[in-house]
Amino acid sequence: MKVTDVRVRLVASESRLKGVVTITFEDAFVVHDIRVIEGENGIFVAMPSKKMPNGGFRDIAHPIHQEMRKQIEEAIIKAYHEALLNQVPETVED
């Protein structure tokens, strides 16, 4: 299964959340709300999840094989860096 589109919405905040991603596979299947998070060892990708009654979280969608996880993470991190490079700086008027 190939990644055919990655859309990144950058998040401007002081939190660890740096972006929210929508990824498309084979132009036929979409996964929303994948998060790009700034961790202690750099950025990482967190799959969409829901909060459980016990307070923990459970992934809603996730890759089963390491090869697919790697493909998804590489595509998302590449798109995230491209979004950072292409963002328009805010202008402040006096």
PDB file of N, CA and C in Angstrom:
ATOM      1  N   MET A   1       0.862  -1.171   0.000  1.00  0.00           N
ATOM      2  CA  MET A   1       0.000   0.000   0.000  1.00  0.00           C
ATOM      3  C   MET A   1       0.905   1.229   0.000  1.00  0.00           C
ATOM      4  N   LYS A   2       0.649   2.133  -0.923  1.00  0.00           N
ATOM      5  CA  LYS A   2       1.481   3.325  -1.053  1.00  0.00           C
ATOM      6  C   LYS A   2       0.782   4.550  -0.500  1.00  0.00           C
ATOM      7  N   VAL A   3       1.585   5.429   0.072  1.00  0.00           N
ATOM      8  CA  VAL A   3       1.101   6.734   0.517  1.00  0.00           C
ATOM      9  C   VAL A   3       1.016   7.609  -0.725  1.00  0.00           C
ATOM     10  N   THR A   4      -0.167   8.159  -0.997  1.00  0.00           N
ATOM     11  CA  THR A   4      -0.333   8.977  -2.198  1.00  0.00           C
ATOM     12  C   THR A   4      -0.551  10.457  -1.897  1.00  0.00           C
ATOM     13  N   ASP A   5      -0.835  10.799  -0.637  1.00  0.00           N
ATOM     14  CA  ASP A   5      -0.989  12.210  -0.288  1.00  0.00           C
ATOM     15  C   ASP A   5      -0.806  12.375   1.214  1.00  0.00           C
ATOM     16  N   VAL A   6      -0.145  13.456   1.589  1.00  0.00           N
ATOM     17  CA  VAL A   6       0.022  13.812   2.998  1.00  0.00           C
ATOM     18  C   VAL A   6      -0.263  15.303   3.124  1.00  0.00           C
ATOM     19  N   ARG A   7      -1.200  15.643   3.989  1.00  0.00           N
ATOM     20  CA  ARG A   7      -1.537  17.052   4.232  1.00  0.00           C
ATOM     21  C   ARG A   7      -1.269  17.376   5.687  1.00  0.00           C
ATOM     22  N   VAL A   8      -0.479  18.418   5.900  1.00  0.00           N
ATOM     23  CA  VAL A   8      -0.065  18.804   7.247  1.00  0.00           C
ATOM     24  C   VAL A   8      -0.675  20.150   7.594  1.00  0.00           C
ATOM     25  N   ARG A   9      -1.296  20.216   8.749  1.00  0.00           N
ATOM     26  CA  ARG A   9      -1.759  21.499   9.293  1.00  0.00           C
ATOM     27  C   ARG A   9      -0.865  21.795  10.487  1.00  0.00           C
ATOM     28  N   LEU A  10      -0.008  22.805  10.341  1.00  0.00           N
ATOM     29  CA  LEU A  10       0.896  23.179  11.430  1.00  0.00           C
ATOM     30  C   LEU A  10       0.104  23.775  12.580  1.00  0.00           C
ATOM     31  N   VAL A  11       0.548  23.508  13.793  1.00  0.00           N
ATOM     32  CA  VAL A  11      -0.103  24.023  14.992  1.00  0.00           C
ATOM     33  C   VAL A  11       0.853  25.009  15.645  1.00  0.00           C
ATOM     34  N   ALA A  12       0.425  26.249  15.770  1.00  0.00           N
ATOM     35  CA  ALA A  12       1.256  27.289  16.386  1.00  0.00           C
ATOM     36  C   ALA A  12       0.844  27.416  17.850  1.00  0.00           C
ATOM     37  N   SER A  13       1.564  26.733  18.709  1.00  0.00           N
ATOM     38  CA  SER A  13       1.283  26.814  20.143  1.00  0.00           C
ATOM     39  C   SER A  13       2.544  26.457  20.912  1.00  0.00           C
ATOM     40  N   GLU A  14       2.485  26.647  22.187  1.00  0.00           N
ATOM     41  CA  GLU A  14       3.616  26.315  23.048  1.00  0.00           C
ATOM     42  C   GLU A  14       3.589  24.849  23.475  1.00  0.00           C
ATOM     43  N   SER A  15       2.578  24.112  23.047  1.00  0.00           N
ATOM     44  CA  SER A  15       2.468  22.705  23.427  1.00  0.00           C
ATOM     45  C   SER A  15       3.435  21.854  22.605  1.00  0.00           C
ATOM     46  N   ARG A  16       3.476  20.583  22.933  1.00  0.00           N
ATOM     47  CA  ARG A  16       4.331  19.649  22.196  1.00  0.00           C
ATOM     48  C   ARG A  16       3.746  19.283  20.843  1.00  0.00           C
ATOM     49  N   LEU A  17       2.446  19.513  20.656  1.00  0.00           N
ATOM     50  CA  LEU A  17       1.794  19.225  19.386  1.00  0.00           C
ATOM     51  C   LEU A  17       2.264  20.240  18.343  1.00  0.00           C
ATOM     52  N   LYS A  18       2.849  19.754  17.262  1.00  0.00           N
ATOM     53  CA  LYS A  18       3.396  20.632  16.226  1.00  0.00           C
ATOM     54  C   LYS A  18       2.607  20.598  14.926  1.00  0.00           C
ATOM     55  N   GLY A  19       1.815  19.546  14.718  1.00  0.00           N
ATOM     56  CA  GLY A  19       1.032  19.459  13.497  1.00  0.00           C
ATOM     57  C   GLY A  19       0.014  18.343  13.580  1.00  0.00           C
ATOM     58  N   VAL A  20      -1.014  18.472  12.725  1.00  0.00           N
ATOM     59  CA  VAL A  20      -2.037  17.442  12.589  1.00  0.00           C
ATOM     60  C   VAL A  20      -2.057  17.051  11.116  1.00  0.00           C
ATOM     61  N   VAL A  21      -2.077  15.757  10.860  1.00  0.00           N
ATOM     62  CA  VAL A  21      -1.866  15.244   9.506  1.00  0.00           C
ATOM     63  C   VAL A  21      -3.046  14.401   9.037  1.00  0.00           C
ATOM     64  N   THR A  22      -3.322  14.507   7.740  1.00  0.00           N
ATOM     65  CA  THR A  22      -4.230  13.604   7.044  1.00  0.00           C
ATOM     66  C   THR A  22      -3.401  12.904   5.981  1.00  0.00           C
ATOM     67  N   ILE A  23      -3.473  11.583   5.956  1.00  0.00           N
ATOM     68  CA  ILE A  23      -2.680  10.810   5.004  1.00  0.00           C
ATOM     69  C   ILE A  23      -3.620   9.953   4.162  1.00  0.00           C
ATOM     70  N   THR A  24      -3.308   9.855   2.863  1.00  0.00           N
ATOM     71  CA  THR A  24      -4.117   9.073   1.930  1.00  0.00           C
ATOM     72  C   THR A  24      -3.278   7.929   1.380  1.00  0.00           C
ATOM     73  N   PHE A  25      -3.897   6.759   1.290  1.00  0.00           N
ATOM     74  CA  PHE A  25      -3.249   5.575   0.742  1.00  0.00           C
ATOM     75  C   PHE A  25      -3.928   5.182  -0.560  1.00  0.00           C
ATOM     76  N   GLU A  26      -3.108   4.972  -1.615  1.00  0.00           N
ATOM     77  CA  GLU A  26      -3.596   4.477  -2.902  1.00  0.00           C
ATOM     78  C   GLU A  26      -4.746   5.322  -3.470  1.00  0.00           C
ATOM     79  N   ASP A  27      -4.788   6.606  -3.129  1.00  0.00           N
ATOM     80  CA  ASP A  27      -5.876   7.487  -3.566  1.00  0.00           C
ATOM     81  C   ASP A  27      -7.251   6.906  -3.230  1.00  0.00           C
ATOM     82  N   ALA A  28      -7.317   6.064  -2.162  1.00  0.00           N
ATOM     83  CA  ALA A  28      -8.576   5.380  -1.882  1.00  0.00           C
ATOM     84  C   ALA A  28      -8.938   5.302  -0.399  1.00  0.00           C
ATOM     85  N   PHE A  29      -7.975   5.516   0.506  1.00  0.00           N
ATOM     86  CA  PHE A  29      -8.257   5.365   1.941  1.00  0.00           C
ATOM     87  C   PHE A  29      -7.550   6.476   2.699  1.00  0.00           C
ATOM     88  N   VAL A  30      -8.298   7.165   3.559  1.00  0.00           N
ATOM     89  CA  VAL A  30      -7.766   8.330   4.275  1.00  0.00           C
ATOM     90  C   VAL A  30      -7.792   8.087   5.774  1.00  0.00           C
ATOM     91  N   VAL A  31      -6.724   8.542   6.445  1.00  0.00           N
ATOM     92  CA  VAL A  31      -6.674   8.531   7.908  1.00  0.00           C
ATOM     93  C   VAL A  31      -6.431   9.966   8.359  1.00  0.00           C
ATOM     94  N   HIS A  32      -7.326  10.483   9.202  1.00  0.00           N
ATOM     95  CA  HIS A  32      -7.234  11.842   9.729  1.00  0.00           C
ATOM     96  C   HIS A  32      -6.656  11.822  11.145  1.00  0.00           C
ATOM     97  N   ASP A  33      -6.248  12.999  11.589  1.00  0.00           N
ATOM     98  CA  ASP A  33      -5.868  13.254  12.986  1.00  0.00           C
ATOM     99  C   ASP A  33      -4.641  12.496  13.468  1.00  0.00           C
ATOM    100  N   ILE A  34      -3.686  12.283  12.574  1.00  0.00           N
ATOM    101  CA  ILE A  34      -2.378  11.790  12.986  1.00  0.00           C
ATOM    102  C   ILE A  34      -1.625  13.008  13.500  1.00  0.00           C
ATOM    103  N   ARG A  35      -0.957  12.877  14.636  1.00  0.00           N
ATOM    104  CA  ARG A  35      -0.302  14.037  15.245  1.00  0.00           C
ATOM    105  C   ARG A  35       1.216  13.966  15.096  1.00  0.00           C
ATOM    106  N   VAL A  36       1.805  15.142  14.884  1.00  0.00           N
ATOM    107  CA  VAL A  36       3.258  15.306  14.920  1.00  0.00           C
ATOM    108  C   VAL A  36       3.556  15.964  16.259  1.00  0.00           C
ATOM    109  N   ILE A  37       4.368  15.295  17.072  1.00  0.00           N
ATOM    110  CA  ILE A  37       4.627  15.737  18.437  1.00  0.00           C
ATOM    111  C   ILE A  37       6.117  15.921  18.650  1.00  0.00           C
ATOM    112  N   GLU A  38       6.474  16.984  19.358  1.00  0.00           N
ATOM    113  CA  GLU A  38       7.872  17.250  19.726  1.00  0.00           C
ATOM    114  C   GLU A  38       8.152  16.505  21.023  1.00  0.00           C
ATOM    115  N   GLY A  39       9.007  15.496  20.934  1.00  0.00           N
ATOM    116  CA  GLY A  39       9.389  14.718  22.108  1.00  0.00           C
ATOM    117  C   GLY A  39      10.776  15.098  22.584  1.00  0.00           C
ATOM    118  N   GLU A  40      11.238  14.426  23.602  1.00  0.00           N
ATOM    119  CA  GLU A  40      12.573  14.703  24.147  1.00  0.00           C
ATOM    120  C   GLU A  40      13.669  14.377  23.147  1.00  0.00           C
ATOM    121  N   ASN A  41      13.421  13.420  22.238  1.00  0.00           N
ATOM    122  CA  ASN A  41      14.421  13.002  21.255  1.00  0.00           C
ATOM    123  C   ASN A  41      14.077  13.456  19.840  1.00  0.00           C
ATOM    124  N   GLY A  42      13.302  14.530  19.716  1.00  0.00           N
ATOM    125  CA  GLY A  42      12.909  15.035  18.407  1.00  0.00           C
ATOM    126  C   GLY A  42      11.444  14.777  18.137  1.00  0.00           C
ATOM    127  N   ILE A  43      11.045  15.007  16.875  1.00  0.00           N
ATOM    128  CA  ILE A  43       9.633  14.840  16.554  1.00  0.00           C
ATOM    129  C   ILE A  43       9.306  13.368  16.337  1.00  0.00           C
ATOM    130  N   PHE A  44       8.036  13.026  16.627  1.00  0.00           N
ATOM    131  CA  PHE A  44       7.556  11.682  16.347  1.00  0.00           C
ATOM    132  C   PHE A  44       6.107  11.746  15.917  1.00  0.00           C
ATOM    133  N   VAL A  45       5.628  10.647  15.357  1.00  0.00           N
ATOM    134  CA  VAL A  45       4.284  10.549  14.818  1.00  0.00           C
ATOM    135  C   VAL A  45       3.435   9.725  15.782  1.00  0.00           C
ATOM    136  N   ALA A  46       2.250  10.242  16.123  1.00  0.00           N
ATOM    137  CA  ALA A  46       1.307   9.535  16.987  1.00  0.00           C
ATOM    138  C   ALA A  46       0.026   9.273  16.197  1.00  0.00           C
ATOM    139  N   MET A  47      -0.363   8.026  16.155  1.00  0.00           N
ATOM    140  CA  MET A  47      -1.565   7.627  15.425  1.00  0.00           C
ATOM    141  C   MET A  47      -2.815   8.161  16.120  1.00  0.00           C
ATOM    142  N   PRO A  48      -3.925   8.288  15.385  1.00  0.00           N
ATOM    143  CA  PRO A  48      -5.164   8.763  16.006  1.00  0.00           C
ATOM    144  C   PRO A  48      -5.597   7.796  17.109  1.00  0.00           C
ATOM    145  N   SER A  49      -6.088   8.366  18.207  1.00  0.00           N
ATOM    146  CA  SER A  49      -6.473   7.523  19.337  1.00  0.00           C
ATOM    147  C   SER A  49      -7.703   8.098  20.020  1.00  0.00           C
ATOM    148  N   LYS A  50      -8.285   7.289  20.892  1.00  0.00           N
ATOM    149  CA  LYS A  50      -9.419   7.757  21.686  1.00  0.00           C
ATOM    150  C   LYS A  50      -9.132   7.466  23.149  1.00  0.00           C
ATOM    151  N   LYS A  51      -9.697   8.294  24.004  1.00  0.00           N
ATOM    152  CA  LYS A  51      -9.488   8.139  25.436  1.00  0.00           C
ATOM    153  C   LYS A  51     -10.403   7.039  25.960  1.00  0.00           C
ATOM    154  N   MET A  52      -9.846   6.160  26.747  1.00  0.00           N
ATOM    155  CA  MET A  52     -10.583   5.041  27.324  1.00  0.00           C
ATOM    156  C   MET A  52     -11.146   5.437  28.691  1.00  0.00           C
ATOM    157  N   PRO A  53     -12.156   4.728  29.177  1.00  0.00           N
ATOM    158  CA  PRO A  53     -12.739   5.051  30.490  1.00  0.00           C
ATOM    159  C   PRO A  53     -11.723   5.014  31.643  1.00  0.00           C
ATOM    160  N   ASN A  54     -10.668   4.210  31.504  1.00  0.00           N
ATOM    161  CA  ASN A  54      -9.656   4.128  32.562  1.00  0.00           C
ATOM    162  C   ASN A  54      -8.630   5.257  32.491  1.00  0.00           C
ATOM    163  N   GLY A  55      -8.790   6.177  31.530  1.00  0.00           N
ATOM    164  CA  GLY A  55      -7.887   7.319  31.409  1.00  0.00           C
ATOM    165  C   GLY A  55      -6.764   7.117  30.414  1.00  0.00           C
ATOM    166  N   GLY A  56      -6.546   5.889  29.968  1.00  0.00           N
ATOM    167  CA  GLY A  56      -5.517   5.613  28.973  1.00  0.00           C
ATOM    168  C   GLY A  56      -6.018   5.921  27.576  1.00  0.00           C
ATOM    169  N   PHE A  57      -5.167   5.699  26.598  1.00  0.00           N
ATOM    170  CA  PHE A  57      -5.529   5.941  25.211  1.00  0.00           C
ATOM    171  C   PHE A  57      -5.345   4.670  24.406  1.00  0.00           C
ATOM    172  N   ARG A  58      -6.165   4.518  23.366  1.00  0.00           N
ATOM    173  CA  ARG A  58      -6.093   3.364  22.477  1.00  0.00           C
ATOM    174  C   ARG A  58      -6.096   3.863  21.044  1.00  0.00           C
ATOM    175  N   ASP A  59      -5.131   3.376  20.249  1.00  0.00           N
ATOM    176  CA  ASP A  59      -5.076   3.770  18.841  1.00  0.00           C
ATOM    177  C   ASP A  59      -6.337   3.335  18.116  1.00  0.00           C
ATOM    178  N   ILE A  60      -6.858   4.218  17.282  1.00  0.00           N
ATOM    179  CA  ILE A  60      -8.017   3.908  16.446  1.00  0.00           C
ATOM    180  C   ILE A  60      -7.550   3.214  15.167  1.00  0.00           C
ATOM    181  N   ALA A  61      -6.462   3.696  14.611  1.00  0.00           N
ATOM    182  CA  ALA A  61      -5.879   3.131  13.393  1.00  0.00           C
ATOM    183  C   ALA A  61      -4.370   3.117  13.562  1.00  0.00           C
ATOM    184  N   HIS A  62      -3.750   2.046  13.116  1.00  0.00           N
ATOM    185  CA  HIS A  62      -2.291   1.964  13.206  1.00  0.00           C
ATOM    186  C   HIS A  62      -1.772   0.886  12.267  1.00  0.00           C
ATOM    187  N   PRO A  63      -0.526   1.023  11.809  1.00  0.00           N
ATOM    188  CA  PRO A  63       0.056  -0.007  10.948  1.00  0.00           C
ATOM    189  C   PRO A  63       0.363  -1.267  11.762  1.00  0.00           C
ATOM    190  N   ILE A  64       0.248  -2.394  11.119  1.00  0.00           N
ATOM    191  CA  ILE A  64       0.526  -3.666  11.789  1.00  0.00           C
ATOM    192  C   ILE A  64       1.992  -4.052  11.632  1.00  0.00           C
ATOM    193  N   HIS A  65       2.558  -3.753  10.474  1.00  0.00           N
ATOM    194  CA  HIS A  65       3.941  -4.145  10.189  1.00  0.00           C
ATOM    195  C   HIS A  65       4.895  -2.973  10.328  1.00  0.00           C
ATOM    196  N   GLN A  66       6.105  -3.256  10.760  1.00  0.00           N
ATOM    197  CA  GLN A  66       7.132  -2.226  10.951  1.00  0.00           C
ATOM    198  C   GLN A  66       7.451  -1.502   9.646  1.00  0.00           C
ATOM    199  N   GLU A  67       7.426  -2.223   8.521  1.00  0.00           N
ATOM    200  CA  GLU A  67       7.726  -1.588   7.236  1.00  0.00           C
ATOM    201  C   GLU A  67       6.696  -0.510   6.899  1.00  0.00           C
ATOM    202  N   MET A  68       5.427  -0.800   7.174  1.00  0.00           N
ATOM    203  CA  MET A  68       4.374   0.184   6.904  1.00  0.00           C
ATOM    204  C   MET A  68       4.489   1.363   7.846  1.00  0.00           C
ATOM    205  N   ARG A  69       4.775   1.101   9.112  1.00  0.00           N
ATOM    206  CA  ARG A  69       4.966   2.183  10.082  1.00  0.00           C
ATOM    207  C   ARG A  69       6.090   3.104   9.613  1.00  0.00           C
ATOM    208  N   LYS A  70       7.186   2.523   9.164  1.00  0.00           N
ATOM    209  CA  LYS A  70       8.328   3.317   8.692  1.00  0.00           C
ATOM    210  C   LYS A  70       7.930   4.167   7.484  1.00  0.00           C
ATOM    211  N   GLN A  71       7.199   3.572   6.532  1.00  0.00           N
ATOM    212  CA  GLN A  71       6.756   4.311   5.343  1.00  0.00           C
ATOM    213  C   GLN A  71       5.870   5.489   5.741  1.00  0.00           C
ATOM    214  N   ILE A  72       4.944   5.265   6.650  1.00  0.00           N
ATOM    215  CA  ILE A  72       4.043   6.327   7.101  1.00  0.00           C
ATOM    216  C   ILE A  72       4.813   7.429   7.812  1.00  0.00           C
ATOM    217  N   GLU A  73       5.672   7.045   8.758  1.00  0.00           N
ATOM    218  CA  GLU A  73       6.436   8.038   9.520  1.00  0.00           C
ATOM    219  C   GLU A  73       7.334   8.867   8.618  1.00  0.00           C
ATOM    220  N   GLU A  74       8.024   8.220   7.687  1.00  0.00           N
ATOM    221  CA  GLU A  74       8.913   8.958   6.781  1.00  0.00           C
ATOM    222  C   GLU A  74       8.136   9.942   5.916  1.00  0.00           C
ATOM    223  N   ALA A  75       6.985   9.520   5.402  1.00  0.00           N
ATOM    224  CA  ALA A  75       6.172  10.413   4.561  1.00  0.00           C
ATOM    225  C   ALA A  75       5.659  11.601   5.367  1.00  0.00           C
ATOM    226  N   ILE A  76       5.227  11.357   6.595  1.00  0.00           N
ATOM    227  CA  ILE A  76       4.685  12.430   7.432  1.00  0.00           C
ATOM    228  C   ILE A  76       5.778  13.395   7.855  1.00  0.00           C
ATOM    229  N   ILE A  77       6.917  12.882   8.284  1.00  0.00           N
ATOM    230  CA  ILE A  77       8.000  13.764   8.740  1.00  0.00           C
ATOM    231  C   ILE A  77       8.536  14.594   7.572  1.00  0.00           C
ATOM    232  N   LYS A  78       8.636  13.996   6.396  1.00  0.00           N
ATOM    233  CA  LYS A  78       9.065  14.748   5.209  1.00  0.00           C
ATOM    234  C   LYS A  78       8.073  15.874   4.908  1.00  0.00           C
ATOM    235  N   ALA A  79       6.776  15.561   4.910  1.00  0.00           N
ATOM    236  CA  ALA A  79       5.753  16.573   4.631  1.00  0.00           C
ATOM    237  C   ALA A  79       5.734  17.647   5.709  1.00  0.00           C
ATOM    238  N   TYR A  80       5.972  17.276   6.960  1.00  0.00           N
ATOM    239  CA  TYR A  80       6.016  18.242   8.061  1.00  0.00           C
ATOM    240  C   TYR A  80       7.161  19.230   7.844  1.00  0.00           C
ATOM    241  N   HIS A  81       8.344  18.725   7.510  1.00  0.00           N
ATOM    242  CA  HIS A  81       9.487  19.617   7.271  1.00  0.00           C
ATOM    243  C   HIS A  81       9.249  20.522   6.066  1.00  0.00           C
ATOM    244  N   GLU A  82       8.616  19.988   5.025  1.00  0.00           N
ATOM    245  CA  GLU A  82       8.285  20.814   3.862  1.00  0.00           C
ATOM    246  C   GLU A  82       7.282  21.907   4.238  1.00  0.00           C
ATOM    247  N   ALA A  83       6.316  21.571   5.074  1.00  0.00           N
ATOM    248  CA  ALA A  83       5.331  22.570   5.518  1.00  0.00           C
ATOM    249  C   ALA A  83       6.011  23.670   6.317  1.00  0.00           C
ATOM    250  N   LEU A  84       6.984  23.294   7.142  1.00  0.00           N
ATOM    251  CA  LEU A  84       7.724  24.306   7.912  1.00  0.00           C
ATOM    252  C   LEU A  84       8.490  25.244   6.984  1.00  0.00           C
ATOM    253  N   LEU A  85       9.114  24.681   5.959  1.00  0.00           N
ATOM    254  CA  LEU A  85       9.882  25.500   5.011  1.00  0.00           C
ATOM    255  C   LEU A  85       8.991  26.418   4.188  1.00  0.00           C
ATOM    256  N   ASN A  86       7.769  25.972   3.900  1.00  0.00           N
ATOM    257  CA  ASN A  86       6.876  26.732   3.030  1.00  0.00           C
ATOM    258  C   ASN A  86       5.910  27.638   3.755  1.00  0.00           C
ATOM    259  N   GLN A  87       5.945  27.620   5.077  1.00  0.00           N
ATOM    260  CA  GLN A  87       4.989  28.473   5.795  1.00  0.00           C
ATOM    261  C   GLN A  87       5.345  29.940   5.599  1.00  0.00           C
ATOM    262  N   VAL A  88       4.319  30.744   5.550  1.00  0.00           N
ATOM    263  CA  VAL A  88       4.494  32.178   5.338  1.00  0.00           C
ATOM    264  C   VAL A  88       4.649  32.822   6.710  1.00  0.00           C
ATOM    265  N   PRO A  89       5.771  33.532   6.923  1.00  0.00           N
ATOM    266  CA  PRO A  89       5.948  34.188   8.221  1.00  0.00           C
ATOM    267  C   PRO A  89       4.893  35.275   8.446  1.00  0.00           C
ATOM    268  N   GLU A  90       4.464  35.379   9.673  1.00  0.00           N
ATOM    269  CA  GLU A  90       3.490  36.426  10.009  1.00  0.00           C
ATOM    270  C   GLU A  90       4.164  37.775   9.967  1.00  0.00           C
ATOM    271  N   THR A  91       3.447  38.773   9.448  1.00  0.00           N
ATOM    272  CA  THR A  91       3.986  40.128   9.422  1.00  0.00           C
ATOM    273  C   THR A  91       3.301  40.939  10.504  1.00  0.00           C
ATOM    274  N   VAL A  92       4.081  41.738  11.161  1.00  0.00           N
ATOM    275  CA  VAL A  92       3.545  42.598  12.224  1.00  0.00           C
ATOM    276  C   VAL A  92       3.620  44.028  11.748  1.00  0.00           C
ATOM    277  N   GLU A  93       2.466  44.697  11.742  1.00  0.00           N
ATOM    278  CA  GLU A  93       2.438  46.092  11.310  1.00  0.00           C
ATOM    279  C   GLU A  93       2.569  46.999  12.521  1.00  0.00           C
ATOM    280  N   ASP A  94       3.318  48.081  12.355  1.00  0.00           N
ATOM    281  CA  ASP A  94       3.503  49.050  13.447  1.00  0.00           C
ATOM    282  C   ASP A  94       2.345  49.986  13.543  1.00  0.00           C
TER     283      ASP A  94
END
